[in-house]
Amino acid sequence: MIRTGQLLLPLALALGVGCVPKHITESQTAAAAQISVLGTRQAELEKSLQEAEQQLDQVQSSLRVIGRDKGDLLQALDQANDQMRGLRGEIETLQFQVDDLQQQFDAYTQAQEARQLWDEARLKQIEKSLGISPPPKPQVDPDAVAGTGSAGGNPGEDPEEGGGMELPPTAQGKLDRAIEEMRAGKQGLARFILEKTLEQHEGTTLAAEVRYRIGETYSNEKDWGRAARAYQVVVDKHKRSDWAAWSMLRQGEAFEAMGNPDGARIFYEDVQRDYPKSEAAKDAKKRLGNL
């Protein structure tokens, strides 16, 4: 179960770093407020659920030990069960709302990263056209930032890496660069490059693989829901491509990772039916045997 405190820390870090567009900051602030309220309500419900469970234990103990007034005790037992079912329903509803807010926050963060990458790339183009050199990097006291990592990135990661780079001019070059970033663990940056590839090279013959790789970035982040939806785009737009077969297989893997073997089975069987001669179909057959 996602705890509110686990969500507020990355939100606070994201709000405190760099120049964030006003509408994104306001959205993130609103999301943080909603998460805080929902977290408080969830804690109250969990406490009520714990009290109801204690009450249920007492009723069950009384029923076993006393052995009389069974009608009243059974009625109390039914009431306690009804109360717990209601509390669990409310907690599940709140959990869904928290998950939805988390997805919104992730979307805001991705938009912020994409905007920052664009701004840095544009600045580098302007400097190049004017024939000026960028100012030297600021000198930072290592002791002052020990253990905190780079601003807006992972510990030890150069904040300029990727942001000010010039993308290759061809679709193949961009795809190769995105795959390199994926292997380096930079899934968000790779996804940004892949989306730029589709935007700048409309109609490219590499579109099926580019869209497949977008799904792969989500798989690497274990964001199975978004991964499954991204792979579905490949199946819908490139049904005759080998990448569609692999996408359908990856959808099965995503459902399997989400604890839904019945859903996974549907995709594995569809791969074998729609693409019987593909390598993906062979893998699907093996996975069906392991379900």
Protein backbone atom coordinates (compact mmCIF):
# COMPACT_ATOMS: atom_id res chain seq x y z
CA MET A 1 0.00 0.00 0.00
CA ILE A 2 1.37 3.42 -0.97
CA ARG A 3 1.94 5.72 2.02
CA THR A 4 1.38 9.44 1.68
CA GLY A 5 4.81 10.26 3.06
CA GLN A 6 6.40 8.26 0.29
CA LEU A 7 4.68 10.48 -2.26
CA LEU A 8 5.32 13.87 -0.64
CA LEU A 9 9.13 13.59 -0.61
CA PRO A 10 9.62 13.22 -4.41
CA LEU A 11 6.91 15.85 -4.90
CA ALA A 12 8.69 18.30 -2.64
CA LEU A 13 12.01 17.65 -4.40
CA ALA A 14 10.43 18.12 -7.81
CA LEU A 15 8.85 21.42 -6.76
CA GLY A 16 12.08 22.73 -5.29
CA VAL A 17 14.39 22.14 -8.24
CA GLY A 18 14.86 24.35 -11.29
CA CYS A 19 12.50 26.74 -13.04
CA VAL A 20 9.17 24.95 -13.25
CA PRO A 21 6.32 26.36 -15.39
CA LYS A 22 3.65 27.99 -13.22
CA HIS A 23 0.82 25.69 -14.28
CA ILE A 24 2.90 22.59 -13.48
CA THR A 25 3.87 23.95 -10.03
CA GLU A 26 0.23 24.74 -9.21
CA SER A 27 -0.85 21.28 -10.35
CA GLN A 28 1.86 19.63 -8.28
CA THR A 29 0.89 21.70 -5.22
CA ALA A 30 -2.76 20.73 -5.66
CA ALA A 31 -1.77 17.09 -6.04
CA ALA A 32 0.30 17.28 -2.85
CA ALA A 33 -2.62 18.79 -0.93
CA GLN A 34 -5.00 16.09 -2.16
CA ILE A 35 -2.51 13.36 -1.28
CA SER A 36 -2.14 14.79 2.23
CA VAL A 37 -5.92 14.87 2.79
CA LEU A 38 -6.39 11.39 1.41
CA GLY A 39 -3.49 10.09 3.48
CA THR A 40 -5.05 11.45 6.67
CA ARG A 41 -8.41 9.92 5.81
CA GLN A 42 -6.77 6.63 4.95
CA ALA A 43 -4.97 6.54 8.31
CA GLU A 44 -8.28 7.17 10.10
CA LEU A 45 -9.96 4.36 8.20
CA GLU A 46 -7.09 1.99 8.90
CA LYS A 47 -7.41 2.77 12.61
CA SER A 48 -11.17 2.13 12.46
CA LEU A 49 -10.51 -1.13 10.64
CA GLN A 50 -8.06 -2.19 13.35
CA GLU A 51 -10.63 -1.40 16.06
CA ALA A 52 -13.29 -3.34 14.15
CA GLU A 53 -10.98 -6.34 13.85
CA GLN A 54 -10.33 -6.22 17.60
CA GLN A 55 -14.07 -6.09 18.19
CA LEU A 56 -14.52 -9.08 15.91
CA ASP A 57 -11.87 -11.04 17.83
CA GLN A 58 -13.66 -10.28 21.10
CA VAL A 59 -17.01 -11.41 19.71
CA GLN A 60 -15.52 -14.61 18.35
CA SER A 61 -13.82 -15.33 21.69
CA SER A 62 -17.08 -14.75 23.54
CA LEU A 63 -18.90 -17.07 21.17
CA ARG A 64 -16.41 -19.86 21.78
CA VAL A 65 -16.07 -19.44 25.56
CA ILE A 66 -19.53 -18.52 26.77
CA GLY A 67 -21.56 -20.73 24.46
CA ARG A 68 -24.84 -18.91 25.23
CA ASP A 69 -26.80 -16.05 23.77
CA LYS A 70 -25.57 -17.26 20.41
CA GLY A 71 -28.22 -15.35 18.53
CA ASP A 72 -27.02 -11.98 19.86
CA LEU A 73 -23.39 -12.87 19.42
CA LEU A 74 -23.92 -14.01 15.84
CA GLN A 75 -25.78 -10.82 15.09
CA ALA A 76 -22.93 -8.78 16.55
CA LEU A 77 -20.50 -10.85 14.50
CA ASP A 78 -22.42 -10.12 11.30
CA GLN A 79 -22.48 -6.41 12.13
CA ALA A 80 -18.73 -6.39 12.73
CA ASN A 81 -18.15 -8.18 9.42
CA ASP A 82 -20.36 -5.67 7.59
CA GLN A 83 -18.48 -2.79 9.19
CA MET A 84 -15.12 -4.20 8.13
CA ARG A 85 -16.30 -4.77 4.57
CA GLY A 86 -17.43 -1.15 4.42
CA LEU A 87 -14.13 0.11 5.79
CA ARG A 88 -12.14 -2.00 3.37
CA GLY A 89 -14.20 -0.62 0.49
CA GLU A 90 -13.46 2.95 1.56
CA ILE A 91 -9.76 2.19 1.92
CA GLU A 92 -9.65 0.63 -1.57
CA THR A 93 -11.38 3.72 -2.97
CA LEU A 94 -8.85 5.99 -1.31
CA GLN A 95 -6.00 3.81 -2.56
CA PHE A 96 -7.33 4.19 -6.11
CA GLN A 97 -7.45 7.98 -5.69
CA VAL A 98 -3.89 8.05 -4.34
CA ASP A 99 -2.68 5.93 -7.28
CA ASP A 100 -4.42 8.28 -9.70
CA LEU A 101 -2.76 11.30 -8.12
CA GLN A 102 0.59 9.52 -8.33
CA GLN A 103 0.09 9.02 -12.06
CA GLN A 104 -0.76 12.72 -12.44
CA PHE A 105 2.36 13.66 -10.53
CA ASP A 106 4.46 11.40 -12.77
CA ALA A 107 2.96 13.10 -15.82
CA TYR A 108 3.79 16.56 -14.41
CA THR A 109 7.34 15.43 -13.69
CA GLN A 110 7.80 14.08 -17.21
CA ALA A 111 6.46 17.34 -18.70
CA GLN A 112 8.88 19.32 -16.55
CA GLU A 113 11.84 17.16 -17.62
CA ALA A 114 10.88 17.43 -21.29
CA ARG A 115 10.55 21.21 -21.04
CA GLN A 116 13.94 21.50 -19.34
CA LEU A 117 15.59 19.34 -22.01
CA TRP A 118 14.05 21.49 -24.75
CA ASP A 119 15.13 24.74 -23.07
CA GLU A 120 18.71 23.52 -22.64
CA ALA A 121 18.92 22.27 -26.23
CA ARG A 122 17.53 25.57 -27.52
CA LEU A 123 20.00 27.57 -25.43
CA LYS A 124 22.86 25.56 -26.85
CA GLN A 125 21.65 26.29 -30.40
CA ILE A 126 21.48 30.01 -29.66
CA GLU A 127 24.98 30.03 -28.19
CA LYS A 128 26.27 28.20 -31.26
CA SER A 129 24.56 30.56 -33.71
CA LEU A 130 25.92 33.62 -31.90
CA GLY A 131 29.39 32.16 -31.64
CA ILE A 132 29.58 32.48 -27.88
CA SER A 133 30.77 29.98 -25.33
CA PRO A 134 28.71 28.93 -22.32
CA PRO A 135 29.90 30.18 -18.94
CA PRO A 136 32.06 27.82 -16.89
CA LYS A 137 30.33 25.40 -14.59
CA PRO A 138 29.90 26.72 -11.05
CA GLN A 139 32.32 25.43 -8.47
CA VAL A 140 30.43 23.41 -5.89
CA ASP A 141 31.80 22.47 -2.51
CA PRO A 142 31.68 18.65 -2.43
CA ASP A 143 31.22 18.69 1.35
CA ALA A 144 28.13 20.88 1.01
CA VAL A 145 26.35 18.42 -1.24
CA ALA A 146 27.74 15.13 0.05
CA GLY A 147 25.07 12.47 -0.08
CA THR A 148 22.51 14.68 -1.82
CA GLY A 149 23.30 13.91 -5.49
CA SER A 150 22.92 16.25 -8.43
CA ALA A 151 20.05 18.66 -8.64
CA GLY A 152 17.14 17.06 -10.47
CA GLY A 153 18.96 13.78 -11.11
CA ASN A 154 20.51 10.73 -9.55
CA PRO A 155 23.51 10.94 -7.23
CA GLY A 156 26.65 11.40 -9.27
CA GLU A 157 24.79 12.15 -12.49
CA ASP A 158 25.91 15.18 -14.51
CA PRO A 159 22.85 17.49 -14.74
CA GLU A 160 23.96 18.65 -18.22
CA GLU A 161 24.25 15.14 -19.57
CA GLY A 162 21.54 14.64 -22.18
CA GLY A 163 19.86 18.01 -21.61
CA GLY A 164 22.14 20.02 -23.89
CA MET A 165 22.94 17.26 -26.37
CA GLU A 166 22.28 17.55 -30.08
CA LEU A 167 20.17 14.68 -31.35
CA PRO A 168 21.30 12.83 -34.49
CA PRO A 169 19.64 14.13 -37.66
CA THR A 170 18.24 10.77 -38.81
CA ALA A 171 15.49 8.61 -37.35
CA GLN A 172 17.89 5.66 -37.09
CA GLY A 173 20.42 7.80 -35.26
CA LYS A 174 17.82 8.98 -32.76
CA LEU A 175 16.59 5.41 -32.23
CA ASP A 176 20.14 4.17 -31.59
CA ARG A 177 20.72 7.02 -29.13
CA ALA A 178 17.49 6.25 -27.29
CA ILE A 179 18.49 2.59 -26.94
CA GLU A 180 21.83 3.70 -25.48
CA GLU A 181 20.04 5.85 -22.91
CA MET A 182 17.72 2.95 -22.04
CA ARG A 183 20.69 0.67 -21.41
CA ALA A 184 22.19 3.41 -19.22
CA GLY A 185 19.04 3.38 -17.11
CA LYS A 186 17.74 6.76 -18.33
CA GLN A 187 14.26 5.65 -19.35
CA GLY A 188 12.68 9.12 -19.23
CA LEU A 189 15.34 10.62 -21.49
CA ALA A 190 15.11 7.68 -23.88
CA ARG A 191 11.35 8.08 -24.06
CA PHE A 192 11.72 11.79 -24.81
CA ILE A 193 14.10 11.02 -27.72
CA LEU A 194 11.75 8.34 -29.07
CA GLU A 195 8.79 10.71 -28.99
CA LYS A 196 10.89 13.35 -30.77
CA THR A 197 11.74 10.74 -33.41
CA LEU A 198 8.07 10.17 -34.19
CA GLU A 199 7.43 13.91 -34.19
CA GLN A 200 10.33 14.86 -36.47
CA HIS A 201 10.25 11.82 -38.80
CA GLU A 202 6.58 11.28 -39.51
CA GLY A 203 6.03 8.23 -41.69
CA THR A 204 9.42 6.67 -40.93
CA THR A 205 9.71 2.94 -41.55
CA LEU A 206 11.12 2.66 -38.02
CA ALA A 207 7.87 3.85 -36.42
CA ALA A 208 6.85 0.38 -35.23
CA GLU A 209 10.13 -0.22 -33.42
CA VAL A 210 10.18 3.33 -32.02
CA ARG A 211 6.72 2.83 -30.51
CA TYR A 212 7.75 -0.59 -29.20
CA ARG A 213 10.77 0.96 -27.49
CA ILE A 214 8.51 3.52 -25.81
CA GLY A 215 6.62 0.63 -24.24
CA GLU A 216 9.94 -0.93 -23.30
CA THR A 217 10.95 2.18 -21.32
CA TYR A 218 7.81 1.78 -19.20
CA SER A 219 8.53 -1.95 -18.75
CA ASN A 220 12.03 -1.10 -17.55
CA GLU A 221 10.45 1.22 -14.97
CA LYS A 222 8.00 -1.55 -14.01
CA ASP A 223 5.14 0.79 -14.89
CA TRP A 224 3.14 -2.13 -16.24
CA GLY A 225 -0.11 -0.31 -16.90
CA ARG A 226 1.46 2.33 -19.13
CA ALA A 227 3.66 -0.30 -20.74
CA ALA A 228 0.62 -2.39 -21.76
CA ARG A 229 -1.09 0.66 -23.24
CA ALA A 230 2.03 1.69 -25.15
CA TYR A 231 2.40 -1.80 -26.62
CA GLN A 232 -1.25 -1.71 -27.70
CA VAL A 233 -0.44 1.32 -29.88
CA VAL A 234 2.06 -0.85 -31.77
CA VAL A 235 -0.53 -3.60 -32.26
CA ASP A 236 -3.15 -1.09 -33.46
CA LYS A 237 -0.92 0.89 -35.82
CA HIS A 238 1.48 -1.80 -37.09
CA LYS A 239 -0.49 -5.04 -36.97
CA ARG A 240 1.54 -6.72 -39.73
CA SER A 241 4.89 -5.87 -38.18
CA ASP A 242 7.00 -8.33 -36.18
CA TRP A 243 7.07 -5.64 -33.50
CA ALA A 244 3.31 -6.11 -33.07
CA ALA A 245 3.89 -9.76 -32.18
CA TRP A 246 6.54 -8.82 -29.64
CA SER A 247 4.29 -6.07 -28.26
CA MET A 248 1.46 -8.54 -27.70
CA LEU A 249 3.87 -10.85 -25.89
CA ARG A 250 5.08 -7.96 -23.69
CA GLN A 251 1.47 -7.12 -22.86
CA GLY A 252 1.08 -10.65 -21.54
CA GLU A 253 4.23 -10.21 -19.46
CA ALA A 254 2.87 -6.93 -18.09
CA PHE A 255 -0.39 -8.56 -16.99
CA GLU A 256 1.55 -11.44 -15.48
CA ALA A 257 3.70 -8.96 -13.52
CA MET A 258 0.53 -7.24 -12.27
CA GLY A 259 -0.67 -10.56 -10.85
CA ASN A 260 -3.30 -11.24 -13.54
CA PRO A 261 -2.42 -14.62 -15.07
CA ASP A 262 -5.83 -14.93 -16.78
CA GLY A 263 -5.24 -11.66 -18.62
CA ALA A 264 -1.71 -12.74 -19.51
CA ARG A 265 -3.04 -16.01 -20.92
CA ILE A 266 -5.30 -14.11 -23.35
CA PHE A 267 -2.35 -12.21 -24.83
CA TYR A 268 -0.11 -15.28 -25.02
CA GLU A 269 -2.82 -17.23 -26.84
CA ASP A 270 -3.48 -14.30 -29.20
CA VAL A 271 0.22 -14.17 -30.14
CA GLN A 272 0.13 -17.83 -31.11
CA ARG A 273 -3.11 -17.38 -33.05
CA ASP A 274 -2.27 -14.13 -34.90
CA TYR A 275 1.48 -14.65 -35.39
CA PRO A 276 1.96 -18.46 -35.36
CA LYS A 277 5.31 -18.43 -37.18
CA SER A 278 6.92 -15.66 -35.13
CA GLU A 279 9.63 -15.99 -32.50
CA ALA A 280 7.28 -14.20 -30.12
CA ALA A 281 4.78 -17.07 -30.54
CA LYS A 282 7.44 -19.56 -29.43
CA ASP A 283 8.11 -17.51 -26.31
CA ALA A 284 4.38 -17.20 -25.68
CA LYS A 285 4.01 -20.99 -25.78
CA LYS A 286 6.73 -21.38 -23.14
CA ARG A 287 5.14 -18.76 -20.90
CA LEU A 288 1.73 -20.42 -21.20
CA GLY A 289 3.31 -23.61 -19.96
CA ASN A 290 4.63 -21.80 -16.89
CA LEU A 291 1.34 -20.15 -15.88
